Amino acid sequence: MPSGSVRPILVTGTDTGVGKTWVARALAHGIRAAGRRVVAIKPVETGCGASGDAGVSATEDGVLLAQAAGQAEPAHAIIRLPAPVAPAIALDEADTGIDFDSLVLRIERYAKDADVALVEGAGGLLSPITWEWNATDLAQTLGARALVVGVDRLGTINHTLLTLSALELSGTPVVGVVLTPPAEPDRSTGTNAAAIARLSGIHRVIVAPRTERITEAAEALAPVMEWLGVTAAANVS
């Protein structure tokens, strides 16, 4: 990021479907309620209409993020692709490409007036944006810190440690880890956060409750807001 610009937070995951958008929406809502300027950006989203398509669905991740942040721009993902696959594959199927430098510049432009800029990745950390770039490259170029999201179920210890290792190798600082509730709890649920903290040496690991109410979610993520230097409002409704 240019000197004096906000340092973005990359909201990345151990896999797809782990709750990145849920976490990013709740944080955007909470940060906004605390009186801070926030922008929430989905650089690339797959499984939706082609980029520039007027028929944007209200359920798209990029749209939900924009609504939670209360922002006019971007109102949806910067690049929208039809195929519900990894971005690099979706680009091939759409017979198009991404100018990575241009994408970074657009993210920087949207983020420049914010106190906090949330940038949600597509899929897991190493899911390819193009065949040359993934979210670690995006984080490095933006000078971002990373918030890792996983699911509190069997297997998340391995997946989270692998994600943290990849971030360390890329030189991306980690803000912390949020584990979201699984659809069906298993024997490991409730034990994984402590194990991840013990094995990784990262003690900012929390388990989020299961709730669809964005105000309740924002309240639950108050510790994460503090990690970001934002004091939660007494009432985030």
C-alpha atoms as a PDB file:
ATOM      1  CA  MET A   1       0.000   0.000   0.000  1.00  0.00           C
ATOM      2  CA  PRO A   2       1.188   3.542  -0.610  1.00  0.00           C
ATOM      3  CA  SER A   3       2.591   5.426   2.373  1.00  0.00           C
ATOM      4  CA  GLY A   4      -0.174   6.729   4.635  1.00  0.00           C
ATOM      5  CA  SER A   5      -2.822   4.348   3.300  1.00  0.00           C
ATOM      6  CA  VAL A   6      -4.837   2.001   5.484  1.00  0.00           C
ATOM      7  CA  ARG A   7      -3.342  -1.467   5.900  1.00  0.00           C
ATOM      8  CA  PRO A   8      -5.987  -3.946   4.705  1.00  0.00           C
ATOM      9  CA  ILE A   9      -7.091  -7.072   6.509  1.00  0.00           C
ATOM     10  CA  LEU A  10      -7.225 -10.136   4.275  1.00  0.00           C
ATOM     11  CA  VAL A  11     -10.068 -12.346   5.511  1.00  0.00           C
ATOM     12  CA  THR A  12      -8.903 -15.720   4.297  1.00  0.00           C
ATOM     13  CA  GLY A  13      -9.949 -19.284   4.955  1.00  0.00           C
ATOM     14  CA  THR A  14      -8.693 -22.792   5.450  1.00  0.00           C
ATOM     15  CA  ASP A  15     -11.131 -23.878   2.734  1.00  0.00           C
ATOM     16  CA  THR A  16     -14.231 -22.714   0.913  1.00  0.00           C
ATOM     17  CA  GLY A  17     -17.484 -22.559   2.862  1.00  0.00           C
ATOM     18  CA  VAL A  18     -15.846 -21.978   6.254  1.00  0.00           C
ATOM     19  CA  GLY A  19     -17.624 -18.712   7.095  1.00  0.00           C
ATOM     20  CA  LYS A  20     -15.346 -15.996   5.703  1.00  0.00           C
ATOM     21  CA  THR A  21     -18.265 -13.881   4.514  1.00  0.00           C
ATOM     22  CA  TRP A  22     -20.117 -14.343   7.807  1.00  0.00           C
ATOM     23  CA  VAL A  23     -17.049 -13.122   9.708  1.00  0.00           C
ATOM     24  CA  ALA A  24     -16.307 -10.244   7.322  1.00  0.00           C
ATOM     25  CA  ARG A  25     -19.950  -9.064   7.357  1.00  0.00           C
ATOM     26  CA  ALA A  26     -20.105  -9.132  11.144  1.00  0.00           C
ATOM     27  CA  LEU A  27     -16.830  -7.235  11.430  1.00  0.00           C
ATOM     28  CA  ALA A  28     -17.947  -4.641   8.881  1.00  0.00           C
ATOM     29  CA  HIS A  29     -21.204  -4.141  10.775  1.00  0.00           C
ATOM     30  CA  GLY A  30     -19.448  -3.869  14.129  1.00  0.00           C
ATOM     31  CA  ILE A  31     -16.748  -1.509  12.907  1.00  0.00           C
ATOM     32  CA  ARG A  32     -19.366   0.718  11.285  1.00  0.00           C
ATOM     33  CA  ALA A  33     -21.441   0.722  14.496  1.00  0.00           C
ATOM     34  CA  ALA A  34     -18.336   1.779  16.402  1.00  0.00           C
ATOM     35  CA  GLY A  35     -18.226   4.935  14.287  1.00  0.00           C
ATOM     36  CA  ARG A  36     -15.258   3.939  12.161  1.00  0.00           C
ATOM     37  CA  ARG A  37     -15.135   4.097   8.378  1.00  0.00           C
ATOM     38  CA  VAL A  38     -15.026   0.595   6.937  1.00  0.00           C
ATOM     39  CA  VAL A  39     -14.987  -0.822   3.446  1.00  0.00           C
ATOM     40  CA  ALA A  40     -15.481  -4.530   2.737  1.00  0.00           C
ATOM     41  CA  ILE A  41     -14.213  -5.771  -0.622  1.00  0.00           C
ATOM     42  CA  LYS A  42     -14.558  -9.073  -2.454  1.00  0.00           C
ATOM     43  CA  PRO A  43     -11.944  -8.801  -5.239  1.00  0.00           C
ATOM     44  CA  VAL A  44     -13.083 -11.929  -7.116  1.00  0.00           C
ATOM     45  CA  GLU A  45     -16.245 -13.986  -6.714  1.00  0.00           C
ATOM     46  CA  THR A  46     -17.197 -17.094  -8.656  1.00  0.00           C
ATOM     47  CA  GLY A  47     -20.545 -18.759  -9.079  1.00  0.00           C
ATOM     48  CA  CYS A  48     -22.313 -15.551 -10.116  1.00  0.00           C
ATOM     49  CA  GLY A  49     -22.923 -13.509 -13.269  1.00  0.00           C
ATOM     50  CA  ALA A  50     -20.092 -12.327 -15.476  1.00  0.00           C
ATOM     51  CA  SER A  51     -18.304  -9.108 -14.532  1.00  0.00           C
ATOM     52  CA  GLY A  52     -20.458  -6.144 -15.461  1.00  0.00           C
ATOM     53  CA  ASP A  53     -23.667  -8.202 -15.524  1.00  0.00           C
ATOM     54  CA  ALA A  54     -26.580  -6.052 -14.362  1.00  0.00           C
ATOM     55  CA  GLY A  55     -28.331  -9.055 -12.802  1.00  0.00           C
ATOM     56  CA  VAL A  56     -26.458  -9.080  -9.501  1.00  0.00           C
ATOM     57  CA  SER A  57     -27.933 -11.412  -6.893  1.00  0.00           C
ATOM     58  CA  ALA A  58     -28.631 -10.068  -3.411  1.00  0.00           C
ATOM     59  CA  THR A  59     -27.100 -13.228  -1.968  1.00  0.00           C
ATOM     60  CA  GLU A  60     -23.669 -12.758  -3.542  1.00  0.00           C
ATOM     61  CA  ASP A  61     -20.824 -12.412  -1.040  1.00  0.00           C
ATOM     62  CA  GLY A  62     -19.713  -9.076  -2.456  1.00  0.00           C
ATOM     63  CA  VAL A  63     -23.223  -7.642  -2.159  1.00  0.00           C
ATOM     64  CA  LEU A  64     -23.627  -8.832   1.432  1.00  0.00           C
ATOM     65  CA  LEU A  65     -20.282  -7.299   2.372  1.00  0.00           C
ATOM     66  CA  ALA A  66     -21.186  -3.950   0.812  1.00  0.00           C
ATOM     67  CA  GLN A  67     -24.515  -3.869   2.643  1.00  0.00           C
ATOM     68  CA  ALA A  68     -22.895  -4.654   5.993  1.00  0.00           C
ATOM     69  CA  ALA A  69     -20.315  -1.899   5.504  1.00  0.00           C
ATOM     70  CA  GLY A  70     -22.917   0.573   4.224  1.00  0.00           C
ATOM     71  CA  GLN A  71     -20.747   1.448   1.259  1.00  0.00           C
ATOM     72  CA  ALA A  72     -21.753   2.680  -2.179  1.00  0.00           C
ATOM     73  CA  GLU A  73     -18.654   1.239  -3.855  1.00  0.00           C
ATOM     74  CA  PRO A  74     -17.903  -1.473  -4.531  1.00  0.00           C
ATOM     75  CA  ALA A  75     -21.511  -2.620  -4.431  1.00  0.00           C
ATOM     76  CA  HIS A  76     -20.531  -6.177  -5.346  1.00  0.00           C
ATOM     77  CA  ALA A  77     -17.388  -8.163  -6.105  1.00  0.00           C
ATOM     78  CA  ILE A  78     -14.966  -6.311  -8.361  1.00  0.00           C
ATOM     79  CA  ILE A  79     -14.714  -9.301 -10.699  1.00  0.00           C
ATOM     80  CA  ARG A  80     -17.695 -11.655 -10.955  1.00  0.00           C
ATOM     81  CA  LEU A  81     -17.443 -14.987 -12.759  1.00  0.00           C
ATOM     82  CA  PRO A  82     -20.187 -17.526 -13.609  1.00  0.00           C
ATOM     83  CA  ALA A  83     -18.566 -20.898 -12.892  1.00  0.00           C
ATOM     84  CA  PRO A  84     -18.636 -22.072  -9.230  1.00  0.00           C
ATOM     85  CA  VAL A  85     -14.990 -23.149  -9.285  1.00  0.00           C
ATOM     86  CA  ALA A  86     -11.614 -21.666  -8.351  1.00  0.00           C
ATOM     87  CA  PRO A  87     -11.106 -18.228  -9.957  1.00  0.00           C
ATOM     88  CA  ALA A  88      -8.287 -19.312 -12.290  1.00  0.00           C
ATOM     89  CA  ILE A  89     -10.461 -22.115 -13.678  1.00  0.00           C
ATOM     90  CA  ALA A  90     -13.498 -19.830 -13.895  1.00  0.00           C
ATOM     91  CA  LEU A  91     -11.419 -17.339 -15.879  1.00  0.00           C
ATOM     92  CA  ASP A  92     -10.405 -20.065 -18.321  1.00  0.00           C
ATOM     93  CA  GLU A  93     -14.018 -21.171 -18.736  1.00  0.00           C
ATOM     94  CA  ALA A  94     -15.103 -17.576 -19.338  1.00  0.00           C
ATOM     95  CA  ASP A  95     -12.219 -17.119 -21.800  1.00  0.00           C
ATOM     96  CA  THR A  96     -11.053 -13.996 -19.999  1.00  0.00           C
ATOM     97  CA  GLY A  97      -8.282 -12.886 -17.669  1.00  0.00           C
ATOM     98  CA  ILE A  98      -7.393 -10.577 -14.805  1.00  0.00           C
ATOM     99  CA  ASP A  99      -4.954  -7.700 -14.850  1.00  0.00           C
ATOM    100  CA  PHE A 100      -3.583  -8.260 -11.357  1.00  0.00           C
ATOM    101  CA  ASP A 101      -1.991  -4.815 -11.062  1.00  0.00           C
ATOM    102  CA  SER A 102      -5.252  -3.153 -12.102  1.00  0.00           C
ATOM    103  CA  LEU A 103      -7.166  -5.228  -9.537  1.00  0.00           C
ATOM    104  CA  VAL A 104      -4.766  -4.144  -6.784  1.00  0.00           C
ATOM    105  CA  LEU A 105      -5.129  -0.494  -7.785  1.00  0.00           C
ATOM    106  CA  ARG A 106      -8.912  -0.736  -7.611  1.00  0.00           C
ATOM    107  CA  ILE A 107      -8.749  -2.277  -4.133  1.00  0.00           C
ATOM    108  CA  GLU A 108      -6.405   0.499  -3.005  1.00  0.00           C
ATOM    109  CA  ARG A 109      -8.716   3.140  -4.437  1.00  0.00           C
ATOM    110  CA  TYR A 110     -11.735   1.753  -2.582  1.00  0.00           C
ATOM    111  CA  ALA A 111      -9.729   1.406   0.645  1.00  0.00           C
ATOM    112  CA  LYS A 112      -7.985   4.768   0.683  1.00  0.00           C
ATOM    113  CA  ASP A 113     -10.582   6.704   2.710  1.00  0.00           C
ATOM    114  CA  ALA A 114     -11.408   3.894   5.168  1.00  0.00           C
ATOM    115  CA  ASP A 115     -10.199   3.383   8.715  1.00  0.00           C
ATOM    116  CA  VAL A 116     -10.445  -0.382   8.206  1.00  0.00           C
ATOM    117  CA  ALA A 117     -10.435  -2.201   4.858  1.00  0.00           C
ATOM    118  CA  LEU A 118     -11.577  -5.829   4.824  1.00  0.00           C
ATOM    119  CA  VAL A 119     -10.610  -7.847   1.749  1.00  0.00           C
ATOM    120  CA  GLU A 120     -12.259 -11.264   1.514  1.00  0.00           C
ATOM    121  CA  GLY A 121     -10.492 -13.925  -0.501  1.00  0.00           C
ATOM    122  CA  ALA A 122     -12.132 -16.553  -2.691  1.00  0.00           C
ATOM    123  CA  GLY A 123     -11.980 -20.083  -1.323  1.00  0.00           C
ATOM    124  CA  GLY A 124      -8.975 -21.137   0.720  1.00  0.00           C
ATOM    125  CA  LEU A 125      -5.746 -19.180   1.006  1.00  0.00           C
ATOM    126  CA  LEU A 126      -3.950 -20.869  -1.902  1.00  0.00           C
ATOM    127  CA  SER A 127      -6.933 -21.053  -4.221  1.00  0.00           C
ATOM    128  CA  PRO A 128      -5.549 -19.539  -7.443  1.00  0.00           C
ATOM    129  CA  ILE A 129      -6.836 -16.108  -8.418  1.00  0.00           C
ATOM    130  CA  THR A 130      -4.967 -16.611 -11.687  1.00  0.00           C
ATOM    131  CA  TRP A 131      -2.466 -19.321 -12.568  1.00  0.00           C
ATOM    132  CA  GLU A 132       0.277 -16.947 -11.376  1.00  0.00           C
ATOM    133  CA  TRP A 133      -1.315 -15.333  -8.302  1.00  0.00           C
ATOM    134  CA  ASN A 134      -3.142 -16.340  -5.138  1.00  0.00           C
ATOM    135  CA  ALA A 135      -4.268 -14.573  -1.957  1.00  0.00           C
ATOM    136  CA  THR A 136      -0.761 -14.560  -0.459  1.00  0.00           C
ATOM    137  CA  ASP A 137       0.433 -12.539  -3.459  1.00  0.00           C
ATOM    138  CA  LEU A 138      -2.513 -10.184  -3.011  1.00  0.00           C
ATOM    139  CA  ALA A 139      -1.691  -9.767   0.684  1.00  0.00           C
ATOM    140  CA  GLN A 140       1.975  -9.075  -0.045  1.00  0.00           C
ATOM    141  CA  THR A 141       1.162  -6.510  -2.729  1.00  0.00           C
ATOM    142  CA  LEU A 142      -1.369  -4.735  -0.522  1.00  0.00           C
ATOM    143  CA  GLY A 143       0.801  -4.939   2.584  1.00  0.00           C
ATOM    144  CA  ALA A 144      -2.117  -6.677   4.286  1.00  0.00           C
ATOM    145  CA  ARG A 145      -2.441  -8.567   7.520  1.00  0.00           C
ATOM    146  CA  ALA A 146      -4.459 -11.792   7.548  1.00  0.00           C
ATOM    147  CA  LEU A 147      -7.386 -13.016   9.607  1.00  0.00           C
ATOM    148  CA  VAL A 148      -7.786 -16.778   9.206  1.00  0.00           C
ATOM    149  CA  VAL A 149     -11.239 -18.381   9.301  1.00  0.00           C
ATOM    150  CA  GLY A 150     -11.832 -22.096   9.759  1.00  0.00           C
ATOM    151  CA  VAL A 151     -14.556 -24.428  11.010  1.00  0.00           C
ATOM    152  CA  ASP A 152     -14.498 -25.930  14.515  1.00  0.00           C
ATOM    153  CA  ARG A 153     -14.559 -29.543  13.370  1.00  0.00           C
ATOM    154  CA  LEU A 154     -12.256 -32.526  12.951  1.00  0.00           C
ATOM    155  CA  GLY A 155      -9.451 -31.681  10.492  1.00  0.00           C
ATOM    156  CA  THR A 156      -9.297 -27.970  11.211  1.00  0.00           C
ATOM    157  CA  ILE A 157      -6.091 -28.245  13.237  1.00  0.00           C
ATOM    158  CA  ASN A 158      -4.214 -29.525  10.192  1.00  0.00           C
ATOM    159  CA  HIS A 159      -5.938 -27.144   7.761  1.00  0.00           C
ATOM    160  CA  THR A 160      -5.375 -24.117   9.977  1.00  0.00           C
ATOM    161  CA  LEU A 161      -1.722 -24.907  10.663  1.00  0.00           C
ATOM    162  CA  LEU A 162      -1.095 -25.364   6.937  1.00  0.00           C
ATOM    163  CA  THR A 163      -2.748 -22.010   6.238  1.00  0.00           C
ATOM    164  CA  LEU A 164      -0.737 -20.286   8.968  1.00  0.00           C
ATOM    165  CA  SER A 165       2.474 -21.843   7.609  1.00  0.00           C
ATOM    166  CA  ALA A 166       1.741 -20.556   4.117  1.00  0.00           C
ATOM    167  CA  LEU A 167       1.101 -17.068   5.492  1.00  0.00           C
ATOM    168  CA  GLU A 168       4.347 -17.177   7.448  1.00  0.00           C
ATOM    169  CA  LEU A 169       6.277 -18.260   4.356  1.00  0.00           C
ATOM    170  CA  SER A 170       4.765 -15.362   2.408  1.00  0.00           C
ATOM    171  CA  GLY A 171       5.713 -12.884   5.142  1.00  0.00           C
ATOM    172  CA  THR A 172       2.079 -11.987   5.866  1.00  0.00           C
ATOM    173  CA  PRO A 173       1.414 -11.074   9.526  1.00  0.00           C
ATOM    174  CA  VAL A 174      -1.509 -12.891  11.123  1.00  0.00           C
ATOM    175  CA  VAL A 175      -4.060 -10.951  13.157  1.00  0.00           C
ATOM    176  CA  GLY A 176      -5.658 -14.085  14.586  1.00  0.00           C
ATOM    177  CA  VAL A 177      -7.889 -17.079  13.929  1.00  0.00           C
ATOM    178  CA  VAL A 178     -11.686 -17.369  14.071  1.00  0.00           C
ATOM    179  CA  LEU A 179     -13.321 -20.791  14.139  1.00  0.00           C
ATOM    180  CA  THR A 180     -16.967 -20.895  13.094  1.00  0.00           C
ATOM    181  CA  PRO A 181     -19.479 -23.526  14.263  1.00  0.00           C
ATOM    182  CA  PRO A 182     -19.847 -26.646  12.121  1.00  0.00           C
ATOM    183  CA  ALA A 183     -23.231 -27.657  10.772  1.00  0.00           C
ATOM    184  CA  GLU A 184     -22.873 -30.857  12.817  1.00  0.00           C
ATOM    185  CA  PRO A 185     -20.560 -30.745  15.863  1.00  0.00           C
ATOM    186  CA  ASP A 186     -18.177 -33.666  16.298  1.00  0.00           C
ATOM    187  CA  ARG A 187     -15.975 -34.951  19.092  1.00  0.00           C
ATOM    188  CA  SER A 188     -13.296 -32.331  18.320  1.00  0.00           C
ATOM    189  CA  THR A 189     -15.661 -29.345  18.412  1.00  0.00           C
ATOM    190  CA  GLY A 190     -14.710 -27.116  21.315  1.00  0.00           C
ATOM    191  CA  THR A 191     -11.160 -28.499  21.569  1.00  0.00           C
ATOM    192  CA  ASN A 192      -9.636 -27.204  18.342  1.00  0.00           C
ATOM    193  CA  ALA A 193      -9.038 -23.564  19.272  1.00  0.00           C
ATOM    194  CA  ALA A 194      -6.820 -24.409  22.238  1.00  0.00           C
ATOM    195  CA  ALA A 195      -4.929 -26.976  20.180  1.00  0.00           C
ATOM    196  CA  ILE A 196      -4.297 -24.478  17.369  1.00  0.00           C
ATOM    197  CA  ALA A 197      -3.077 -21.851  19.824  1.00  0.00           C
ATOM    198  CA  ARG A 198      -0.773 -24.366  21.520  1.00  0.00           C
ATOM    199  CA  LEU A 199       0.708 -25.698  18.285  1.00  0.00           C
ATOM    200  CA  SER A 200       1.012 -22.404  16.394  1.00  0.00           C
ATOM    201  CA  GLY A 201       2.010 -20.083  19.216  1.00  0.00           C
ATOM    202  CA  ILE A 202      -0.768 -17.737  18.091  1.00  0.00           C
ATOM    203  CA  HIS A 203      -2.971 -17.029  21.092  1.00  0.00           C
ATOM    204  CA  ARG A 204      -5.541 -14.893  19.310  1.00  0.00           C
ATOM    205  CA  VAL A 205      -7.827 -17.813  18.509  1.00  0.00           C
ATOM    206  CA  ILE A 206     -11.557 -17.606  19.219  1.00  0.00           C
ATOM    207  CA  VAL A 207     -14.622 -19.708  18.535  1.00  0.00           C
ATOM    208  CA  ALA A 208     -17.631 -17.813  17.181  1.00  0.00           C
ATOM    209  CA  PRO A 209     -21.196 -18.787  18.133  1.00  0.00           C
ATOM    210  CA  ARG A 210     -23.798 -19.970  15.656  1.00  0.00           C
ATOM    211  CA  THR A 211     -26.090 -17.055  14.859  1.00  0.00           C
ATOM    212  CA  GLU A 212     -27.551 -15.573  11.700  1.00  0.00           C
ATOM    213  CA  ARG A 213     -28.253 -12.195  13.316  1.00  0.00           C
ATOM    214  CA  ILE A 214     -25.532  -9.829  12.205  1.00  0.00           C
ATOM    215  CA  THR A 215     -25.750  -7.748  15.392  1.00  0.00           C
ATOM    216  CA  GLU A 216     -25.174 -10.817  17.557  1.00  0.00           C
ATOM    217  CA  ALA A 217     -22.346 -11.919  15.301  1.00  0.00           C
ATOM    218  CA  ALA A 218     -20.712  -8.497  15.563  1.00  0.00           C
ATOM    219  CA  GLU A 219     -20.940  -8.617  19.339  1.00  0.00           C
ATOM    220  CA  ALA A 220     -19.366 -12.075  19.365  1.00  0.00           C
ATOM    221  CA  LEU A 221     -16.475 -10.810  17.251  1.00  0.00           C
ATOM    222  CA  ALA A 222     -15.698  -7.859  19.554  1.00  0.00           C
ATOM    223  CA  PRO A 223     -12.319  -9.476  20.442  1.00  0.00           C
ATOM    224  CA  VAL A 224     -11.393  -9.499  16.747  1.00  0.00           C
ATOM    225  CA  MET A 225     -12.300  -5.829  16.453  1.00  0.00           C
ATOM    226  CA  GLU A 226      -9.963  -5.139  19.360  1.00  0.00           C
ATOM    227  CA  TRP A 227      -7.225  -7.023  17.504  1.00  0.00           C
ATOM    228  CA  LEU A 228      -7.831  -4.553  14.684  1.00  0.00           C
ATOM    229  CA  GLY A 229      -7.645  -1.594  17.043  1.00  0.00           C
ATOM    230  CA  VAL A 230     -11.386  -0.893  17.073  1.00  0.00           C
ATOM    231  CA  THR A 231     -13.377  -0.667  20.313  1.00  0.00           C
ATOM    232  CA  ALA A 232     -16.804  -2.202  19.850  1.00  0.00           C
ATOM    233  CA  ALA A 233     -19.824  -0.001  20.454  1.00  0.00           C
ATOM    234  CA  ALA A 234     -21.892  -0.789  23.541  1.00  0.00           C
ATOM    235  CA  ASN A 235     -24.818  -1.584  21.243  1.00  0.00           C
ATOM    236  CA  VAL A 236     -24.073  -2.584  17.649  1.00  0.00           C
ATOM    237  CA  SER A 237     -27.697  -2.753  16.504  1.00  0.00           C
END
